[in-house]
Structures are given as C-alpha cells and as structure tokens.
Amino acid sequence: MNKFKMMDLSVKKLFNTVESIHDEMYYLDREAEMQDLNRSTNSKMAWFSFLSLGVCLSVVGLQFWHLKSFFGKKKLI
C-alpha cells in the first residue's frame, strides 16, 4: 500500500512537471507570435512614416511653387 502512495505521489509530481512544461511552451509560442506581430507593425509604421514624409515634402513643394507664382504675378519677385 505504501508503494502505491509513493507511486501516486511520483505520478502527481510528474504530471505537475509536464503541465508546467506545457504552460511554458504555450507561453513561448504566444511570445513568438507577439514578436512577429511587433516586427510587422514596426515595418508598417516605418513605411507609413516615409509616405507621410513624402506627402509633407510634396505639400511644401506645391506651396513654394504657388507662392512663387503668386508673387511673380504681383511683380514682387
């Protein structure tokens, strides 16, 4: 009877160890998914920043052109 209790205790310890390993593997898998999502988001934000910079520079160019033509018509330049 004592051997069965010891064996039962050993099985419970092993089961807890296996559960702990399973939880850790699940956590690592979720962490890898989150890292991939983070990299993807960073890449998209970098492209958006370059696009935003391009739009801003285009607006500056259009404003410069418009002001130059405006003051050219007024004969101030």
PDB file of N, CA and C in Angstrom:
ATOM      1  N   MET A   1       0.813  -1.186   0.000  1.00  0.00           N
ATOM      2  CA  MET A   1       0.000   0.000   0.000  1.00  0.00           C
ATOM      3  C   MET A   1       0.863   1.259   0.000  1.00  0.00           C
ATOM      4  N   ASN A   2       1.939   1.232   0.753  1.00  0.00           N
ATOM      5  CA  ASN A   2       2.847   2.363   0.845  1.00  0.00           C
ATOM      6  C   ASN A   2       3.503   2.641  -0.511  1.00  0.00           C
ATOM      7  N   LYS A   3       3.805   1.576  -1.269  1.00  0.00           N
ATOM      8  CA  LYS A   3       4.415   1.746  -2.592  1.00  0.00           C
ATOM      9  C   LYS A   3       3.451   2.452  -3.536  1.00  0.00           C
ATOM     10  N   PHE A   4       2.154   2.138  -3.397  1.00  0.00           N
ATOM     11  CA  PHE A   4       1.167   2.782  -4.263  1.00  0.00           C
ATOM     12  C   PHE A   4       1.052   4.273  -3.973  1.00  0.00           C
ATOM     13  N   LYS A   5       1.129   4.634  -2.699  1.00  0.00           N
ATOM     14  CA  LYS A   5       1.069   6.048  -2.344  1.00  0.00           C
ATOM     15  C   LYS A   5       2.296   6.793  -2.865  1.00  0.00           C
ATOM     16  N   MET A   6       3.459   6.158  -2.752  1.00  0.00           N
ATOM     17  CA  MET A   6       4.680   6.782  -3.264  1.00  0.00           C
ATOM     18  C   MET A   6       4.614   6.908  -4.788  1.00  0.00           C
ATOM     19  N   MET A   7       4.103   5.864  -5.430  1.00  0.00           N
ATOM     20  CA  MET A   7       3.984   5.895  -6.885  1.00  0.00           C
ATOM     21  C   MET A   7       2.960   6.960  -7.302  1.00  0.00           C
ATOM     22  N   ASP A   8       1.860   7.050  -6.567  1.00  0.00           N
ATOM     23  CA  ASP A   8       0.850   8.058  -6.848  1.00  0.00           C
ATOM     24  C   ASP A   8       1.433   9.465  -6.686  1.00  0.00           C
ATOM     25  N   LEU A   9       2.196   9.665  -5.656  1.00  0.00           N
ATOM     26  CA  LEU A   9       2.848  10.947  -5.425  1.00  0.00           C
ATOM     27  C   LEU A   9       3.831  11.270  -6.554  1.00  0.00           C
ATOM     28  N   SER A  10       4.584  10.271  -6.992  1.00  0.00           N
ATOM     29  CA  SER A  10       5.536  10.471  -8.098  1.00  0.00           C
ATOM     30  C   SER A  10       4.800  10.822  -9.383  1.00  0.00           C
ATOM     31  N   VAL A  11       3.689  10.152  -9.628  1.00  0.00           N
ATOM     32  CA  VAL A  11       2.913  10.433 -10.845  1.00  0.00           C
ATOM     33  C   VAL A  11       2.347  11.854 -10.784  1.00  0.00           C
ATOM     34  N   LYS A  12       1.871  12.274  -9.623  1.00  0.00           N
ATOM     35  CA  LYS A  12       1.344  13.637  -9.481  1.00  0.00           C
ATOM     36  C   LYS A  12       2.445  14.678  -9.696  1.00  0.00           C
ATOM     37  N   LYS A  13       3.631  14.417  -9.163  1.00  0.00           N
ATOM     38  CA  LYS A  13       4.753  15.335  -9.380  1.00  0.00           C
ATOM     39  C   LYS A  13       5.115  15.413 -10.856  1.00  0.00           C
ATOM     40  N   LEU A  14       5.160  14.248 -11.516  1.00  0.00           N
ATOM     41  CA  LEU A  14       5.469  14.234 -12.944  1.00  0.00           C
ATOM     42  C   LEU A  14       4.389  14.960 -13.748  1.00  0.00           C
ATOM     43  N   PHE A  15       3.132  14.746 -13.363  1.00  0.00           N
ATOM     44  CA  PHE A  15       2.034  15.415 -14.055  1.00  0.00           C
ATOM     45  C   PHE A  15       2.153  16.929 -13.894  1.00  0.00           C
ATOM     46  N   ASN A  16       2.465  17.397 -12.684  1.00  0.00           N
ATOM     47  CA  ASN A  16       2.648  18.832 -12.460  1.00  0.00           C
ATOM     48  C   ASN A  16       3.827  19.380 -13.264  1.00  0.00           C
ATOM     49  N   THR A  17       4.895  18.578 -13.355  1.00  0.00           N
ATOM     50  CA  THR A  17       6.051  18.984 -14.150  1.00  0.00           C
ATOM     51  C   THR A  17       5.673  19.092 -15.624  1.00  0.00           C
ATOM     52  N   VAL A  18       4.933  18.114 -16.122  1.00  0.00           N
ATOM     53  CA  VAL A  18       4.508  18.136 -17.526  1.00  0.00           C
ATOM     54  C   VAL A  18       3.580  19.318 -17.781  1.00  0.00           C
ATOM     55  N   GLU A  19       2.675  19.597 -16.864  1.00  0.00           N
ATOM     56  CA  GLU A  19       1.794  20.758 -17.007  1.00  0.00           C
ATOM     57  C   GLU A  19       2.600  22.054 -17.028  1.00  0.00           C
ATOM     58  N   SER A  20       3.582  22.150 -16.178  1.00  0.00           N
ATOM     59  CA  SER A  20       4.428  23.337 -16.140  1.00  0.00           C
ATOM     60  C   SER A  20       5.183  23.525 -17.457  1.00  0.00           C
ATOM     61  N   ILE A  21       5.711  22.435 -17.982  1.00  0.00           N
ATOM     62  CA  ILE A  21       6.427  22.495 -19.268  1.00  0.00           C
ATOM     63  C   ILE A  21       5.465  22.887 -20.380  1.00  0.00           C
ATOM     64  N   HIS A  22       4.268  22.328 -20.372  1.00  0.00           N
ATOM     65  CA  HIS A  22       3.261  22.654 -21.387  1.00  0.00           C
ATOM     66  C   HIS A  22       2.891  24.136 -21.329  1.00  0.00           C
ATOM     67  N   ASP A  23       2.678  24.650 -20.121  1.00  0.00           N
ATOM     68  CA  ASP A  23       2.350  26.073 -19.970  1.00  0.00           C
ATOM     69  C   ASP A  23       3.494  26.952 -20.461  1.00  0.00           C
ATOM     70  N   GLU A  24       4.718  26.562 -20.170  1.00  0.00           N
ATOM     71  CA  GLU A  24       5.883  27.331 -20.614  1.00  0.00           C
ATOM     72  C   GLU A  24       5.993  27.315 -22.145  1.00  0.00           C
ATOM     73  N   MET A  25       5.743  26.176 -22.756  1.00  0.00           N
ATOM     74  CA  MET A  25       5.797  26.077 -24.230  1.00  0.00           C
ATOM     75  C   MET A  25       4.691  26.933 -24.853  1.00  0.00           C
ATOM     76  N   TYR A  26       3.508  26.929 -24.253  1.00  0.00           N
ATOM     77  CA  TYR A  26       2.415  27.758 -24.755  1.00  0.00           C
ATOM     78  C   TYR A  26       2.800  29.236 -24.651  1.00  0.00           C
ATOM     79  N   TYR A  27       3.396  29.618 -23.530  1.00  0.00           N
ATOM     80  CA  TYR A  27       3.829  30.994 -23.334  1.00  0.00           C
ATOM     81  C   TYR A  27       4.883  31.380 -24.371  1.00  0.00           C
ATOM     82  N   LEU A  28       5.838  30.504 -24.628  1.00  0.00           N
ATOM     83  CA  LEU A  28       6.885  30.789 -25.614  1.00  0.00           C
ATOM     84  C   LEU A  28       6.297  30.931 -27.008  1.00  0.00           C
ATOM     85  N   ASP A  29       5.297  30.105 -27.322  1.00  0.00           N
ATOM     86  CA  ASP A  29       4.645  30.180 -28.628  1.00  0.00           C
ATOM     87  C   ASP A  29       3.914  31.515 -28.774  1.00  0.00           C
ATOM     88  N   ARG A  30       3.192  31.917 -27.739  1.00  0.00           N
ATOM     89  CA  ARG A  30       2.493  33.205 -27.763  1.00  0.00           C
ATOM     90  C   ARG A  30       3.489  34.364 -27.867  1.00  0.00           C
ATOM     91  N   GLU A  31       4.605  34.241 -27.175  1.00  0.00           N
ATOM     92  CA  GLU A  31       5.623  35.286 -27.234  1.00  0.00           C
ATOM     93  C   GLU A  31       6.188  35.412 -28.642  1.00  0.00           C
ATOM     94  N   ALA A  32       6.401  34.290 -29.319  1.00  0.00           N
ATOM     95  CA  ALA A  32       6.900  34.327 -30.696  1.00  0.00           C
ATOM     96  C   ALA A  32       5.881  34.982 -31.619  1.00  0.00           C
ATOM     97  N   GLU A  33       4.600  34.682 -31.418  1.00  0.00           N
ATOM     98  CA  GLU A  33       3.552  35.319 -32.228  1.00  0.00           C
ATOM     99  C   GLU A  33       3.538  36.829 -32.000  1.00  0.00           C
ATOM    100  N   MET A  34       3.686  37.240 -30.752  1.00  0.00           N
ATOM    101  CA  MET A  34       3.681  38.667 -30.440  1.00  0.00           C
ATOM    102  C   MET A  34       4.912  39.371 -31.027  1.00  0.00           C
ATOM    103  N   GLN A  35       6.053  38.697 -31.042  1.00  0.00           N
ATOM    104  CA  GLN A  35       7.248  39.287 -31.643  1.00  0.00           C
ATOM    105  C   GLN A  35       7.058  39.465 -33.148  1.00  0.00           C
ATOM    106  N   ASP A  36       6.444  38.479 -33.805  1.00  0.00           N
ATOM    107  CA  ASP A  36       6.169  38.605 -35.237  1.00  0.00           C
ATOM    108  C   ASP A  36       5.215  39.765 -35.505  1.00  0.00           C
ATOM    109  N   LEU A  37       4.186  39.880 -34.671  1.00  0.00           N
ATOM    110  CA  LEU A  37       3.238  40.991 -34.816  1.00  0.00           C
ATOM    111  C   LEU A  37       3.939  42.331 -34.599  1.00  0.00           C
ATOM    112  N   ASN A  38       4.826  42.384 -33.620  1.00  0.00           N
ATOM    113  CA  ASN A  38       5.571  43.606 -33.337  1.00  0.00           C
ATOM    114  C   ASN A  38       6.453  44.003 -34.512  1.00  0.00           C
ATOM    115  N   ARG A  39       7.155  43.036 -35.080  1.00  0.00           N
ATOM    116  CA  ARG A  39       8.007  43.327 -36.243  1.00  0.00           C
ATOM    117  C   ARG A  39       7.173  43.811 -37.428  1.00  0.00           C
ATOM    118  N   SER A  40       6.049  43.167 -37.650  1.00  0.00           N
ATOM    119  CA  SER A  40       5.172  43.554 -38.754  1.00  0.00           C
ATOM    120  C   SER A  40       4.646  44.974 -38.561  1.00  0.00           C
ATOM    121  N   THR A  41       4.221  45.282 -37.348  1.00  0.00           N
ATOM    122  CA  THR A  41       3.707  46.624 -37.054  1.00  0.00           C
ATOM    123  C   THR A  41       4.805  47.675 -37.211  1.00  0.00           C
ATOM    124  N   ASN A  42       6.005  47.379 -36.740  1.00  0.00           N
ATOM    125  CA  ASN A  42       7.122  48.324 -36.887  1.00  0.00           C
ATOM    126  C   ASN A  42       7.437  48.583 -38.358  1.00  0.00           C
ATOM    127  N   SER A  43       7.399  47.528 -39.161  1.00  0.00           N
ATOM    128  CA  SER A  43       7.662  47.681 -40.587  1.00  0.00           C
ATOM    129  C   SER A  43       6.596  48.559 -41.248  1.00  0.00           C
ATOM    130  N   LYS A  44       5.341  48.309 -40.918  1.00  0.00           N
ATOM    131  CA  LYS A  44       4.261  49.115 -41.492  1.00  0.00           C
ATOM    132  C   LYS A  44       4.366  50.569 -41.068  1.00  0.00           C
ATOM    133  N   MET A  45       4.724  50.802 -39.812  1.00  0.00           N
ATOM    134  CA  MET A  45       4.856  52.173 -39.332  1.00  0.00           C
ATOM    135  C   MET A  45       6.034  52.886 -40.001  1.00  0.00           C
ATOM    136  N   ALA A  46       7.106  52.153 -40.291  1.00  0.00           N
ATOM    137  CA  ALA A  46       8.243  52.759 -40.988  1.00  0.00           C
ATOM    138  C   ALA A  46       7.819  53.191 -42.392  1.00  0.00           C
ATOM    139  N   TRP A  47       7.093  52.323 -43.110  1.00  0.00           N
ATOM    140  CA  TRP A  47       6.619  52.686 -44.447  1.00  0.00           C
ATOM    141  C   TRP A  47       5.647  53.866 -44.373  1.00  0.00           C
ATOM    142  N   PHE A  48       4.786  53.860 -43.375  1.00  0.00           N
ATOM    143  CA  PHE A  48       3.850  54.974 -43.213  1.00  0.00           C
ATOM    144  C   PHE A  48       4.593  56.278 -42.941  1.00  0.00           C
ATOM    145  N   SER A  49       5.665  56.220 -42.176  1.00  0.00           N
ATOM    146  CA  SER A  49       6.458  57.420 -41.888  1.00  0.00           C
ATOM    147  C   SER A  49       7.086  57.969 -43.161  1.00  0.00           C
ATOM    148  N   PHE A  50       7.629  57.083 -43.989  1.00  0.00           N
ATOM    149  CA  PHE A  50       8.228  57.539 -45.252  1.00  0.00           C
ATOM    150  C   PHE A  50       7.161  58.120 -46.176  1.00  0.00           C
ATOM    151  N   LEU A  51       5.993  57.495 -46.209  1.00  0.00           N
ATOM    152  CA  LEU A  51       4.898  58.012 -47.023  1.00  0.00           C
ATOM    153  C   LEU A  51       4.465  59.385 -46.516  1.00  0.00           C
ATOM    154  N   SER A  52       4.356  59.524 -45.209  1.00  0.00           N
ATOM    155  CA  SER A  52       3.981  60.810 -44.604  1.00  0.00           C
ATOM    156  C   SER A  52       5.025  61.884 -44.919  1.00  0.00           C
ATOM    157  N   LEU A  53       6.290  61.526 -44.840  1.00  0.00           N
ATOM    158  CA  LEU A  53       7.354  62.475 -45.182  1.00  0.00           C
ATOM    159  C   LEU A  53       7.244  62.899 -46.643  1.00  0.00           C
ATOM    160  N   GLY A  54       6.969  61.953 -47.521  1.00  0.00           N
ATOM    161  CA  GLY A  54       6.808  62.270 -48.943  1.00  0.00           C
ATOM    162  C   GLY A  54       5.640  63.216 -49.192  1.00  0.00           C
ATOM    163  N   VAL A  55       4.526  62.981 -48.508  1.00  0.00           N
ATOM    164  CA  VAL A  55       3.364  63.860 -48.654  1.00  0.00           C
ATOM    165  C   VAL A  55       3.697  65.256 -48.141  1.00  0.00           C
ATOM    166  N   CYS A  56       4.355  65.337 -47.004  1.00  0.00           N
ATOM    167  CA  CYS A  56       4.729  66.654 -46.453  1.00  0.00           C
ATOM    168  C   CYS A  56       5.656  67.404 -47.398  1.00  0.00           C
ATOM    169  N   LEU A  57       6.643  66.716 -47.939  1.00  0.00           N
ATOM    170  CA  LEU A  57       7.562  67.377 -48.879  1.00  0.00           C
ATOM    171  C   LEU A  57       6.844  67.802 -50.152  1.00  0.00           C
ATOM    172  N   SER A  58       5.879  67.017 -50.596  1.00  0.00           N
ATOM    173  CA  SER A  58       5.084  67.393 -51.772  1.00  0.00           C
ATOM    174  C   SER A  58       4.277  68.653 -51.498  1.00  0.00           C
ATOM    175  N   VAL A  59       3.672  68.722 -50.323  1.00  0.00           N
ATOM    176  CA  VAL A  59       2.894  69.915 -49.957  1.00  0.00           C
ATOM    177  C   VAL A  59       3.810  71.133 -49.871  1.00  0.00           C
ATOM    178  N   VAL A  60       4.997  70.973 -49.312  1.00  0.00           N
ATOM    179  CA  VAL A  60       5.953  72.085 -49.252  1.00  0.00           C
ATOM    180  C   VAL A  60       6.299  72.542 -50.662  1.00  0.00           C
ATOM    181  N   GLY A  61       6.547  71.603 -51.556  1.00  0.00           N
ATOM    182  CA  GLY A  61       6.868  71.964 -52.931  1.00  0.00           C
ATOM    183  C   GLY A  61       5.731  72.690 -53.622  1.00  0.00           C
ATOM    184  N   LEU A  62       4.504  72.200 -53.414  1.00  0.00           N
ATOM    185  CA  LEU A  62       3.351  72.874 -54.020  1.00  0.00           C
ATOM    186  C   LEU A  62       3.147  74.275 -53.440  1.00  0.00           C
ATOM    187  N   GLN A  63       3.326  74.430 -52.144  1.00  0.00           N
ATOM    188  CA  GLN A  63       3.197  75.753 -51.533  1.00  0.00           C
ATOM    189  C   GLN A  63       4.273  76.706 -52.051  1.00  0.00           C
ATOM    190  N   PHE A  64       5.491  76.207 -52.181  1.00  0.00           N
ATOM    191  CA  PHE A  64       6.579  77.035 -52.690  1.00  0.00           C
ATOM    192  C   PHE A  64       6.287  77.475 -54.120  1.00  0.00           C
ATOM    193  N   TRP A  65       5.835  76.534 -54.949  1.00  0.00           N
ATOM    194  CA  TRP A  65       5.502  76.846 -56.332  1.00  0.00           C
ATOM    195  C   TRP A  65       4.370  77.867 -56.404  1.00  0.00           C
ATOM    196  N   HIS A  66       3.327  77.658 -55.567  1.00  0.00           N
ATOM    197  CA  HIS A  66       2.192  78.574 -55.578  1.00  0.00           C
ATOM    198  C   HIS A  66       2.611  79.982 -55.129  1.00  0.00           C
ATOM    199  N   LEU A  67       3.376  80.080 -54.062  1.00  0.00           N
ATOM    200  CA  LEU A  67       3.814  81.395 -53.589  1.00  0.00           C
ATOM    201  C   LEU A  67       4.728  82.083 -54.597  1.00  0.00           C
ATOM    202  N   LYS A  68       5.592  81.306 -55.236  1.00  0.00           N
ATOM    203  CA  LYS A  68       6.482  81.883 -56.233  1.00  0.00           C
ATOM    204  C   LYS A  68       5.680  82.437 -57.413  1.00  0.00           C
ATOM    205  N   SER A  69       4.695  81.678 -57.866  1.00  0.00           N
ATOM    206  CA  SER A  69       3.888  82.168 -58.985  1.00  0.00           C
ATOM    207  C   SER A  69       3.006  83.347 -58.552  1.00  0.00           C
ATOM    208  N   PHE A  70       2.505  83.318 -57.324  1.00  0.00           N
ATOM    209  CA  PHE A  70       1.679  84.411 -56.818  1.00  0.00           C
ATOM    210  C   PHE A  70       2.475  85.717 -56.761  1.00  0.00           C
ATOM    211  N   PHE A  71       3.673  85.649 -56.120  1.00  0.00           N
ATOM    212  CA  PHE A  71       4.475  86.854 -56.012  1.00  0.00           C
ATOM    213  C   PHE A  71       5.086  87.255 -57.355  1.00  0.00           C
ATOM    214  N   GLY A  72       5.227  86.291 -58.256  1.00  0.00           N
ATOM    215  CA  GLY A  72       5.700  86.619 -59.600  1.00  0.00           C
ATOM    216  C   GLY A  72       4.662  87.418 -60.371  1.00  0.00           C
ATOM    217  N   LYS A  73       3.396  87.045 -60.187  1.00  0.00           N
ATOM    218  CA  LYS A  73       2.312  87.816 -60.837  1.00  0.00           C
ATOM    219  C   LYS A  73       2.181  89.213 -60.241  1.00  0.00           C
ATOM    220  N   LYS A  74       2.490  89.353 -58.974  1.00  0.00           N
ATOM    221  CA  LYS A  74       2.406  90.674 -58.315  1.00  0.00           C
ATOM    222  C   LYS A  74       3.683  91.483 -58.559  1.00  0.00           C
ATOM    223  N   LYS A  75       4.618  90.893 -59.284  1.00  0.00           N
ATOM    224  CA  LYS A  75       5.871  91.542 -59.657  1.00  0.00           C
ATOM    225  C   LYS A  75       6.705  91.916 -58.420  1.00  0.00           C
ATOM    226  N   LEU A  76       6.643  91.051 -57.382  1.00  0.00           N
ATOM    227  CA  LEU A  76       7.455  91.271 -56.190  1.00  0.00           C
ATOM    228  C   LEU A  76       8.726  90.431 -56.220  1.00  0.00           C
ATOM    229  N   ILE A  77       8.772  89.464 -57.124  1.00  0.00           N
ATOM    230  CA  ILE A  77       9.975  88.631 -57.259  1.00  0.00           C
ATOM    231  C   ILE A  77      10.597  88.905 -58.603  1.00  0.00           C
TER     232      ILE A  77
END
